[in-house]
N, C-alpha and C. Protein backbone atom coordinates (compact mmCIF):
# COMPACT_ATOMS: atom_id res chain seq x y z
N MET A 1 0.76 -1.28 -0.17
CA MET A 1 0.13 0.19 0.16
C MET A 1 0.83 1.30 -0.17
N ALA A 2 1.96 1.23 0.81
CA ALA A 2 2.94 2.36 0.86
C ALA A 2 3.31 3.01 -0.28
N PHE A 3 3.98 1.64 -1.23
CA PHE A 3 4.30 1.92 -2.68
C PHE A 3 3.34 2.60 -3.54
N ALA A 4 2.13 1.83 -3.35
CA ALA A 4 1.32 2.53 -4.04
C ALA A 4 0.77 3.96 -4.00
N LEU A 5 0.88 4.69 -2.54
CA LEU A 5 0.61 5.64 -2.20
C LEU A 5 1.90 6.60 -2.63
N ARG A 6 3.13 6.17 -2.67
CA ARG A 6 4.27 6.71 -3.06
C ARG A 6 4.40 6.98 -4.66
N PHE A 7 4.11 5.97 -5.26
CA PHE A 7 3.93 5.97 -6.50
C PHE A 7 2.90 6.96 -7.40
N PHE A 8 1.47 6.90 -6.69
CA PHE A 8 0.73 8.18 -7.07
C PHE A 8 0.92 9.29 -6.32
N THR A 9 1.74 9.61 -5.71
CA THR A 9 2.14 10.90 -5.28
C THR A 9 3.02 11.62 -6.34
N CYS A 10 4.30 10.60 -7.03
CA CYS A 10 4.97 10.55 -7.48
C CYS A 10 4.42 11.12 -9.30
N LEU A 11 3.45 10.22 -9.33
CA LEU A 11 2.74 10.59 -10.37
C LEU A 11 1.80 12.16 -10.82
N VAL A 12 1.41 12.44 -9.33
CA VAL A 12 0.85 13.59 -9.24
C VAL A 12 1.75 14.76 -9.44
N LEU A 13 2.80 14.76 -8.51
CA LEU A 13 3.70 15.93 -8.77
C LEU A 13 4.32 15.82 -10.03
N THR A 14 4.88 14.66 -10.89
CA THR A 14 5.02 14.79 -12.40
C THR A 14 4.12 15.33 -13.19
N VAL A 15 2.81 15.03 -12.80
CA VAL A 15 1.90 15.63 -13.72
C VAL A 15 1.64 17.26 -13.38
N PHE A 16 1.87 17.80 -12.47
CA PHE A 16 1.94 18.85 -11.73
C PHE A 16 3.05 19.84 -12.31
N VAL A 17 3.93 19.12 -12.38
CA VAL A 17 5.56 19.82 -12.87
C VAL A 17 5.30 19.95 -14.49
N VAL A 18 4.75 18.84 -15.09
CA VAL A 18 4.64 18.98 -16.62
C VAL A 18 3.48 20.13 -16.91
N ALA A 19 2.52 20.29 -15.78
CA ALA A 19 1.18 21.10 -16.61
C ALA A 19 1.80 22.33 -16.11
N SER A 20 2.68 22.42 -15.04
CA SER A 20 2.94 24.07 -14.93
C SER A 20 4.20 24.59 -15.93
N VAL A 21 4.61 23.88 -16.60
CA VAL A 21 5.66 24.16 -17.81
C VAL A 21 4.83 25.10 -18.93
N ASP A 22 5.16 26.32 -18.85
CA ASP A 22 4.53 27.26 -20.16
C ASP A 22 4.50 26.55 -21.33
N ALA A 23 3.37 26.24 -21.90
CA ALA A 23 3.62 25.78 -23.40
C ALA A 23 3.44 27.13 -23.91
N ALA A 24 4.50 26.91 -25.43
CA ALA A 24 4.49 28.21 -26.16
C ALA A 24 3.39 28.61 -26.99
N ILE A 25 3.20 30.06 -27.15
CA ILE A 25 1.91 29.97 -27.55
C ILE A 25 2.06 29.83 -29.29
N THR A 26 0.89 29.22 -29.90
CA THR A 26 1.11 29.22 -31.44
C THR A 26 1.20 30.09 -32.49
N CYS A 27 1.54 29.94 -33.77
CA CYS A 27 1.53 30.87 -34.63
C CYS A 27 -0.05 31.46 -35.05
N GLY A 28 -0.94 30.36 -35.10
CA GLY A 28 -2.21 30.44 -35.30
C GLY A 28 -2.61 31.95 -34.28
N THR A 29 -2.23 31.49 -32.85
CA THR A 29 -2.65 32.29 -32.09
C THR A 29 -2.27 33.76 -32.17
N VAL A 30 -0.83 34.02 -32.49
CA VAL A 30 -0.23 35.01 -32.84
C VAL A 30 -0.73 35.96 -34.20
N THR A 31 -0.74 35.00 -35.24
CA THR A 31 -1.71 35.64 -36.53
C THR A 31 -2.86 35.85 -36.10
N GLY A 32 -3.75 35.12 -35.67
CA GLY A 32 -5.16 35.33 -35.37
C GLY A 32 -5.15 36.96 -34.43
N SER A 33 -4.60 36.72 -33.35
CA SER A 33 -4.69 37.85 -32.54
C SER A 33 -4.33 39.36 -33.24
N LEU A 34 -3.65 39.12 -34.52
CA LEU A 34 -3.27 40.48 -35.48
C LEU A 34 -4.12 40.79 -36.31
N VAL A 35 -5.35 39.79 -36.48
CA VAL A 35 -6.26 40.35 -37.60
C VAL A 35 -6.62 41.58 -37.69
N PRO A 36 -6.90 42.41 -36.40
CA PRO A 36 -7.30 43.76 -36.58
C PRO A 36 -6.21 44.40 -37.04
N CYS A 37 -4.87 43.99 -37.11
CA CYS A 37 -3.70 45.01 -37.55
C CYS A 37 -3.58 44.74 -39.21
N ALA A 38 -4.29 43.96 -39.75
CA ALA A 38 -3.87 43.38 -41.01
C ALA A 38 -4.06 44.67 -42.36
N THR A 39 -4.94 45.29 -42.26
CA THR A 39 -5.14 46.60 -43.20
C THR A 39 -4.02 47.57 -42.92
N TYR A 40 -3.52 47.96 -41.86
CA TYR A 40 -2.16 48.21 -41.16
C TYR A 40 -1.30 48.22 -41.67
N LEU A 41 -0.73 46.82 -41.32
CA LEU A 41 0.24 46.12 -41.80
C LEU A 41 0.72 45.93 -43.03
N THR A 42 -0.58 46.22 -44.23
CA THR A 42 -0.09 45.96 -45.47
C THR A 42 -0.25 47.51 -46.41
N LYS A 43 -1.21 48.41 -45.97
CA LYS A 43 -0.99 49.24 -46.39
C LYS A 43 -0.85 50.60 -45.81
N GLY A 44 -0.80 50.48 -44.39
CA GLY A 44 -0.39 51.60 -43.44
C GLY A 44 -1.47 52.70 -42.93
N GLY A 45 -0.96 53.85 -42.98
CA GLY A 45 -2.34 54.76 -42.45
C GLY A 45 -2.14 54.87 -40.98
N ALA A 46 -3.36 55.33 -40.53
CA ALA A 46 -3.67 54.92 -39.09
C ALA A 46 -3.75 53.62 -38.34
N VAL A 47 -3.18 53.49 -37.35
CA VAL A 47 -3.52 52.49 -36.31
C VAL A 47 -4.68 52.54 -36.06
N PRO A 48 -5.25 51.32 -36.24
CA PRO A 48 -6.87 51.30 -35.84
C PRO A 48 -6.81 50.64 -34.21
N PRO A 49 -7.54 51.29 -33.52
CA PRO A 49 -7.77 50.95 -32.16
C PRO A 49 -8.05 49.67 -31.55
N PRO A 50 -8.87 48.82 -32.28
CA PRO A 50 -8.72 47.56 -31.96
C PRO A 50 -7.63 46.87 -32.33
N CYS A 51 -6.47 47.25 -33.14
CA CYS A 51 -5.23 46.76 -33.56
C CYS A 51 -4.44 46.68 -32.52
N CYS A 52 -4.38 47.85 -31.65
CA CYS A 52 -3.30 48.67 -30.73
C CYS A 52 -3.82 47.54 -29.46
N ALA A 53 -5.29 47.21 -28.90
CA ALA A 53 -5.76 46.24 -28.33
C ALA A 53 -5.32 44.94 -28.36
N ALA A 54 -5.33 44.52 -29.75
CA ALA A 54 -4.64 43.00 -29.94
C ALA A 54 -3.16 42.88 -29.76
N VAL A 55 -2.22 44.12 -29.71
CA VAL A 55 -1.25 44.08 -29.66
C VAL A 55 -0.83 43.83 -28.47
N LYS A 56 -1.67 44.62 -27.58
CA LYS A 56 -1.42 44.59 -26.00
C LYS A 56 -1.80 43.18 -25.31
N LYS A 57 -2.86 42.90 -26.02
CA LYS A 57 -3.23 41.63 -25.69
C LYS A 57 -2.20 40.38 -25.74
N LEU A 58 -1.70 40.59 -27.16
CA LEU A 58 -0.70 39.51 -27.44
C LEU A 58 0.17 39.56 -26.61
N ASN A 59 1.05 40.77 -26.37
CA ASN A 59 1.96 40.82 -25.67
C ASN A 59 1.57 40.40 -24.25
N GLY A 60 0.60 40.70 -23.72
CA GLY A 60 0.15 39.88 -22.26
C GLY A 60 0.16 38.53 -22.19
N MET A 61 -0.02 37.75 -23.47
CA MET A 61 0.23 36.65 -23.58
C MET A 61 1.36 35.80 -23.37
N ALA A 62 2.23 37.15 -24.03
CA ALA A 62 3.61 35.89 -24.22
C ALA A 62 4.37 36.59 -22.97
N GLN A 63 4.24 36.06 -22.17
CA GLN A 63 5.13 36.38 -20.82
C GLN A 63 6.22 35.41 -20.41
N THR A 64 6.22 34.23 -21.03
CA THR A 64 7.36 33.34 -20.73
C THR A 64 8.64 33.66 -21.73
N THR A 65 9.63 32.99 -21.50
CA THR A 65 10.44 33.15 -22.79
C THR A 65 10.09 32.04 -24.00
N PRO A 66 10.00 31.09 -23.41
CA PRO A 66 9.27 30.25 -24.61
C PRO A 66 8.46 31.03 -25.68
N ASP A 67 7.30 31.57 -24.89
CA ASP A 67 6.27 32.21 -25.43
C ASP A 67 6.72 33.30 -26.19
N ARG A 68 7.56 34.01 -25.83
CA ARG A 68 8.10 35.41 -26.60
C ARG A 68 9.08 34.62 -27.60
N GLN A 69 9.58 33.67 -27.56
CA GLN A 69 10.26 33.10 -28.68
C GLN A 69 9.24 32.41 -29.81
N ALA A 70 8.56 31.99 -29.32
CA ALA A 70 7.58 31.30 -30.11
C ALA A 70 6.64 32.38 -31.11
N ALA A 71 6.23 33.64 -30.35
CA ALA A 71 5.51 34.86 -30.63
C ALA A 71 6.70 35.41 -31.74
N CYS A 72 8.06 35.67 -31.38
CA CYS A 72 9.14 36.23 -32.43
C CYS A 72 9.17 35.41 -33.48
N LYS A 73 9.23 34.06 -33.39
CA LYS A 73 9.06 33.38 -34.78
C LYS A 73 7.98 33.71 -35.64
N CYS A 74 6.96 33.62 -35.22
CA CYS A 74 5.55 34.05 -35.76
C CYS A 74 6.06 34.99 -36.54
N LEU A 75 5.84 35.89 -35.56
CA LEU A 75 5.93 37.39 -36.12
C LEU A 75 6.98 37.79 -37.04
N LYS A 76 8.36 36.97 -37.04
CA LYS A 76 9.36 36.93 -37.95
C LYS A 76 8.79 36.64 -39.39
N ALA A 77 8.05 35.44 -39.15
CA ALA A 77 7.87 34.91 -40.29
C ALA A 77 6.36 35.60 -41.19
N ALA A 78 5.78 36.07 -40.06
CA ALA A 78 4.49 36.91 -40.92
C ALA A 78 4.77 38.21 -41.60
N ALA A 79 6.04 38.69 -41.12
CA ALA A 79 6.93 39.88 -41.78
C ALA A 79 7.11 39.60 -43.04
N LYS A 80 7.11 38.72 -43.59
CA LYS A 80 7.66 38.17 -45.01
C LYS A 80 6.20 38.53 -45.93
N SER A 81 5.43 38.43 -45.25
CA SER A 81 4.08 39.01 -45.92
C SER A 81 3.19 40.01 -45.99
N ILE A 82 4.06 41.01 -45.12
CA ILE A 82 3.40 42.49 -44.88
C ILE A 82 4.51 43.31 -45.10
N ASN A 83 4.25 44.43 -44.65
CA ASN A 83 5.28 45.49 -44.80
C ASN A 83 6.27 45.64 -43.39
N PRO A 84 7.21 44.79 -43.79
CA PRO A 84 8.43 45.10 -42.24
C PRO A 84 8.68 46.12 -41.61
N SER A 85 8.65 47.51 -42.14
CA SER A 85 9.02 48.75 -41.64
C SER A 85 7.81 48.98 -40.80
N LEU A 86 6.20 48.92 -41.15
CA LEU A 86 5.35 48.88 -40.40
C LEU A 86 5.38 47.84 -39.42
N ALA A 87 5.46 46.80 -39.61
CA ALA A 87 5.39 45.81 -38.41
C ALA A 87 6.46 46.16 -37.28
N SER A 88 7.53 46.43 -37.45
CA SER A 88 8.56 46.77 -36.49
C SER A 88 8.14 48.20 -35.49
N GLY A 89 7.40 48.85 -36.30
CA GLY A 89 7.17 49.90 -35.41
C GLY A 89 5.70 50.03 -34.99
N LEU A 90 4.81 48.89 -35.29
CA LEU A 90 3.78 48.99 -34.51
C LEU A 90 3.53 48.65 -33.30
N PRO A 91 4.21 48.13 -32.25
CA PRO A 91 4.54 48.07 -31.15
C PRO A 91 4.69 49.43 -30.67
N GLY A 92 5.55 50.12 -30.92
CA GLY A 92 5.76 51.55 -30.37
C GLY A 92 4.54 52.21 -30.69
N LYS A 93 4.17 52.29 -31.65
CA LYS A 93 2.81 53.17 -32.01
C LYS A 93 1.58 52.74 -30.52
N CYS A 94 1.71 51.63 -30.70
CA CYS A 94 0.45 51.18 -29.74
C CYS A 94 0.89 51.12 -28.16
N GLY A 95 2.14 51.63 -27.67
CA GLY A 95 2.55 51.88 -26.47
C GLY A 95 3.07 50.46 -25.56
N VAL A 96 3.12 49.76 -26.75
CA VAL A 96 3.88 48.35 -26.02
C VAL A 96 5.19 48.37 -26.15
N SER A 97 6.13 47.76 -25.10
CA SER A 97 7.24 47.82 -24.99
C SER A 97 7.59 46.03 -25.25
N ILE A 98 8.29 45.73 -26.18
CA ILE A 98 8.94 44.41 -26.35
C ILE A 98 10.31 44.16 -26.38
N PRO A 99 10.71 42.99 -25.89
CA PRO A 99 12.08 42.99 -25.70
C PRO A 99 12.84 42.38 -27.01
N TYR A 100 12.48 42.51 -28.02
CA TYR A 100 13.41 42.48 -29.45
C TYR A 100 12.44 43.20 -30.39
N PRO A 101 13.34 43.59 -31.73
CA PRO A 101 12.92 44.21 -32.65
C PRO A 101 11.93 42.99 -33.48
N ILE A 102 11.00 43.67 -34.22
CA ILE A 102 10.44 42.83 -35.14
C ILE A 102 11.29 43.08 -36.46
N SER A 103 11.87 42.20 -36.64
CA SER A 103 12.86 42.35 -38.06
C SER A 103 13.37 40.91 -38.75
N MET A 104 13.54 40.86 -40.01
CA MET A 104 14.12 39.48 -40.65
C MET A 104 15.46 39.17 -39.77
N ASN A 105 15.80 40.15 -39.39
CA ASN A 105 17.43 40.02 -38.84
C ASN A 105 17.35 39.50 -37.53
N THR A 106 16.13 39.36 -36.52
CA THR A 106 16.23 39.18 -34.94
C THR A 106 16.52 37.48 -34.87
N ASN A 107 17.25 37.52 -34.07
CA ASN A 107 17.42 35.84 -33.73
C ASN A 107 16.65 35.82 -32.76
N CYS A 108 15.48 34.96 -32.76
CA CYS A 108 14.19 34.68 -31.79
C CYS A 108 14.81 33.67 -31.16
N ASP A 109 15.64 32.99 -31.07
CA ASP A 109 16.07 31.97 -30.08
C ASP A 109 17.02 32.87 -29.07
N THR A 110 17.35 33.87 -28.95
CA THR A 110 18.12 34.65 -27.79
C THR A 110 17.80 35.54 -26.96
């Protein structure tokens, strides 16, 4: 009985540790969040308020290093299909500070 209790306790602790490890956000989450920014990111002009709300929300979702790395990689990949200079300036226009530039030269692993 003691072995079964110890085994169950170890199993529960293992599940807890695995569950507490932050899973990186997906590119679908990143790109889906930025849908309100699509027109701005392709054509420029004024940044729509829903876009800034989305940028702030996305920044709030990416708090861990793995999440920020995943978001960086997704933004870097998306920058190929949008105006990269508009993308790089978007966080600042929305009053959001991110720890890396949105650029094709950004090393998202560091």
